[in-house]
């Protein structure tokens, strides 16, 4: 799991994993792809939180 969390590029990760063993490569690739897949839900949640916190901003009277 350590290589999947530390190596940035997926192709470098697969190469580094296979230099150790097939199992390491498979697990580290899974961890990397899981992290990439989690980006979409995290960005959506952050967007919803920011939108809710900015509800009252901009309302009021102009002088």
N, C-alpha and C. Protein backbone atom coordinates (compact mmCIF):
# COMPACT_ATOMS: atom_id res chain seq x y z
N UNK A 1 0.82 -1.19 0.00
CA UNK A 1 0.00 0.00 0.00
C UNK A 1 0.87 1.26 0.00
N UNK A 2 2.05 1.19 0.56
CA UNK A 2 2.93 2.36 0.61
C UNK A 2 3.28 2.88 -0.77
N UNK A 3 3.68 2.02 -1.73
CA UNK A 3 3.97 2.57 -3.07
C UNK A 3 2.75 3.23 -3.72
N UNK A 4 1.57 2.67 -3.51
CA UNK A 4 0.37 3.24 -4.11
C UNK A 4 0.04 4.62 -3.57
N UNK A 5 0.46 4.91 -2.36
CA UNK A 5 0.20 6.21 -1.78
C UNK A 5 1.30 7.22 -2.00
N UNK A 6 2.48 6.78 -2.41
CA UNK A 6 3.60 7.70 -2.51
C UNK A 6 4.08 7.97 -3.93
N UNK A 7 3.97 7.01 -4.83
CA UNK A 7 4.44 7.21 -6.20
C UNK A 7 3.35 7.91 -6.99
N UNK A 8 3.71 9.00 -7.65
CA UNK A 8 2.72 9.86 -8.30
C UNK A 8 2.16 9.28 -9.59
N UNK A 9 3.02 8.82 -10.47
CA UNK A 9 2.59 8.37 -11.80
C UNK A 9 2.23 6.89 -11.76
N UNK A 10 1.10 6.54 -12.37
CA UNK A 10 0.61 5.16 -12.33
C UNK A 10 1.59 4.22 -13.05
N UNK A 11 2.15 4.64 -14.17
CA UNK A 11 3.07 3.76 -14.90
C UNK A 11 4.33 3.50 -14.09
N UNK A 12 4.84 4.51 -13.41
CA UNK A 12 6.01 4.30 -12.55
C UNK A 12 5.66 3.39 -11.38
N UNK A 13 4.45 3.52 -10.89
CA UNK A 13 3.99 2.69 -9.79
C UNK A 13 3.94 1.22 -10.20
N UNK A 14 3.40 0.94 -11.37
CA UNK A 14 3.31 -0.44 -11.84
C UNK A 14 4.71 -1.03 -12.02
N UNK A 15 5.60 -0.26 -12.60
CA UNK A 15 6.97 -0.74 -12.77
C UNK A 15 7.67 -1.00 -11.46
N UNK A 16 7.50 -0.10 -10.50
CA UNK A 16 8.12 -0.29 -9.18
C UNK A 16 7.51 -1.48 -8.47
N UNK A 17 6.20 -1.65 -8.60
CA UNK A 17 5.55 -2.79 -7.95
C UNK A 17 6.00 -4.11 -8.51
N UNK A 18 6.11 -4.20 -9.84
CA UNK A 18 6.55 -5.45 -10.46
C UNK A 18 8.02 -5.74 -10.16
N UNK A 19 8.80 -4.73 -9.83
CA UNK A 19 10.20 -5.00 -9.47
C UNK A 19 10.28 -5.72 -8.12
N UNK A 20 9.21 -5.59 -7.30
CA UNK A 20 9.18 -6.31 -6.03
C UNK A 20 8.48 -7.65 -6.21
N UNK A 21 7.20 -7.61 -6.64
CA UNK A 21 6.45 -8.84 -6.91
C UNK A 21 5.14 -8.48 -7.59
N UNK A 22 4.48 -9.48 -8.14
CA UNK A 22 3.19 -9.27 -8.81
C UNK A 22 2.13 -8.82 -7.81
N UNK A 23 2.14 -9.39 -6.62
CA UNK A 23 1.15 -9.03 -5.60
C UNK A 23 1.30 -7.58 -5.16
N UNK A 24 2.54 -7.13 -4.98
CA UNK A 24 2.78 -5.74 -4.60
C UNK A 24 2.30 -4.80 -5.70
N UNK A 25 2.56 -5.16 -6.93
CA UNK A 25 2.12 -4.32 -8.04
C UNK A 25 0.60 -4.24 -8.10
N UNK A 26 -0.06 -5.37 -7.93
CA UNK A 26 -1.53 -5.38 -7.97
C UNK A 26 -2.13 -4.54 -6.85
N UNK A 27 -1.63 -4.72 -5.64
CA UNK A 27 -2.17 -3.98 -4.50
C UNK A 27 -1.89 -2.49 -4.61
N UNK A 28 -0.68 -2.13 -4.99
CA UNK A 28 -0.34 -0.71 -5.08
C UNK A 28 -1.10 -0.04 -6.21
N UNK A 29 -1.33 -0.74 -7.31
CA UNK A 29 -2.13 -0.18 -8.41
C UNK A 29 -3.57 0.01 -7.97
N UNK A 30 -4.12 -0.94 -7.22
CA UNK A 30 -5.48 -0.81 -6.71
C UNK A 30 -5.60 0.39 -5.78
N UNK A 31 -4.63 0.56 -4.89
CA UNK A 31 -4.65 1.69 -3.96
C UNK A 31 -4.59 3.00 -4.72
N UNK A 32 -3.74 3.07 -5.73
CA UNK A 32 -3.61 4.31 -6.53
C UNK A 32 -4.91 4.61 -7.26
N UNK A 33 -5.51 3.62 -7.91
CA UNK A 33 -6.74 3.86 -8.66
C UNK A 33 -7.91 4.16 -7.73
N UNK A 34 -7.92 3.58 -6.55
CA UNK A 34 -8.95 3.90 -5.56
C UNK A 34 -8.84 5.36 -5.12
N UNK A 35 -7.62 5.82 -4.92
CA UNK A 35 -7.41 7.22 -4.56
C UNK A 35 -7.85 8.17 -5.65
N UNK A 36 -7.58 7.82 -6.89
CA UNK A 36 -8.01 8.65 -8.02
C UNK A 36 -9.53 8.65 -8.13
N UNK A 37 -10.16 7.50 -7.92
CA UNK A 37 -11.61 7.42 -8.00
C UNK A 37 -12.29 8.21 -6.88
N UNK A 38 -11.64 8.35 -5.75
CA UNK A 38 -12.22 9.09 -4.62
C UNK A 38 -12.15 10.60 -4.81
N UNK A 39 -11.42 11.07 -5.81
CA UNK A 39 -11.32 12.50 -6.05
C UNK A 39 -12.67 13.11 -6.41
N UNK A 40 -13.46 12.43 -7.21
CA UNK A 40 -14.76 12.97 -7.65
C UNK A 40 -15.70 13.18 -6.47
N UNK A 41 -15.95 12.18 -5.61
CA UNK A 41 -16.85 12.43 -4.48
C UNK A 41 -16.32 13.50 -3.52
N UNK A 42 -15.01 13.53 -3.31
CA UNK A 42 -14.45 14.52 -2.40
C UNK A 42 -14.64 15.93 -2.94
N UNK A 43 -14.40 16.12 -4.23
CA UNK A 43 -14.58 17.44 -4.83
C UNK A 43 -16.05 17.85 -4.78
N UNK A 44 -16.96 16.92 -5.01
CA UNK A 44 -18.39 17.24 -4.92
C UNK A 44 -18.80 17.64 -3.50
N UNK A 45 -18.31 16.93 -2.51
CA UNK A 45 -18.63 17.27 -1.12
C UNK A 45 -18.06 18.64 -0.76
N UNK A 46 -16.85 18.93 -1.16
CA UNK A 46 -16.26 20.24 -0.89
C UNK A 46 -17.08 21.34 -1.57
N UNK A 47 -17.53 21.10 -2.80
CA UNK A 47 -18.36 22.07 -3.50
C UNK A 47 -19.67 22.34 -2.79
N UNK A 48 -20.31 21.29 -2.28
CA UNK A 48 -21.57 21.46 -1.56
C UNK A 48 -21.35 22.24 -0.26
N UNK A 49 -20.29 21.92 0.45
CA UNK A 49 -19.99 22.62 1.71
C UNK A 49 -19.72 24.10 1.45
N UNK A 50 -18.96 24.41 0.44
CA UNK A 50 -18.66 25.81 0.12
C UNK A 50 -19.92 26.54 -0.32
N UNK A 51 -20.75 25.88 -1.11
CA UNK A 51 -21.99 26.52 -1.57
C UNK A 51 -22.92 26.81 -0.40
N UNK A 52 -23.02 25.88 0.53
CA UNK A 52 -23.88 26.11 1.70
C UNK A 52 -23.33 27.21 2.60
N UNK A 53 -22.02 27.31 2.70
CA UNK A 53 -21.44 28.34 3.57
C UNK A 53 -21.55 29.74 2.94
N UNK A 54 -21.74 29.81 1.63
CA UNK A 54 -21.84 31.10 0.94
C UNK A 54 -23.27 31.50 0.64
N UNK A 55 -24.26 30.86 1.24
CA UNK A 55 -25.67 31.17 0.93
C UNK A 55 -26.03 32.61 1.21
N UNK A 56 -25.60 33.13 2.34
CA UNK A 56 -25.99 34.49 2.73
C UNK A 56 -25.11 35.57 2.11
N UNK A 57 -24.04 35.21 1.48
CA UNK A 57 -23.13 36.18 0.90
C UNK A 57 -23.76 36.79 -0.36
N UNK A 58 -23.69 38.10 -0.47
CA UNK A 58 -24.20 38.76 -1.65
C UNK A 58 -25.63 39.22 -1.53
N UNK A 59 -26.34 38.83 -0.50
CA UNK A 59 -27.71 39.28 -0.32
C UNK A 59 -27.71 40.55 0.51
N UNK A 60 -28.59 41.42 0.18
CA UNK A 60 -28.66 42.67 0.94
C UNK A 60 -29.03 43.81 0.00
N UNK A 61 -28.96 45.01 0.51
CA UNK A 61 -29.32 46.17 -0.30
C UNK A 61 -28.06 46.85 -0.82
N UNK A 62 -28.17 47.37 -2.00
CA UNK A 62 -27.08 48.14 -2.58
C UNK A 62 -27.30 49.62 -2.27
N UNK A 63 -26.24 50.30 -1.94
CA UNK A 63 -26.38 51.72 -1.63
C UNK A 63 -25.72 52.55 -2.69
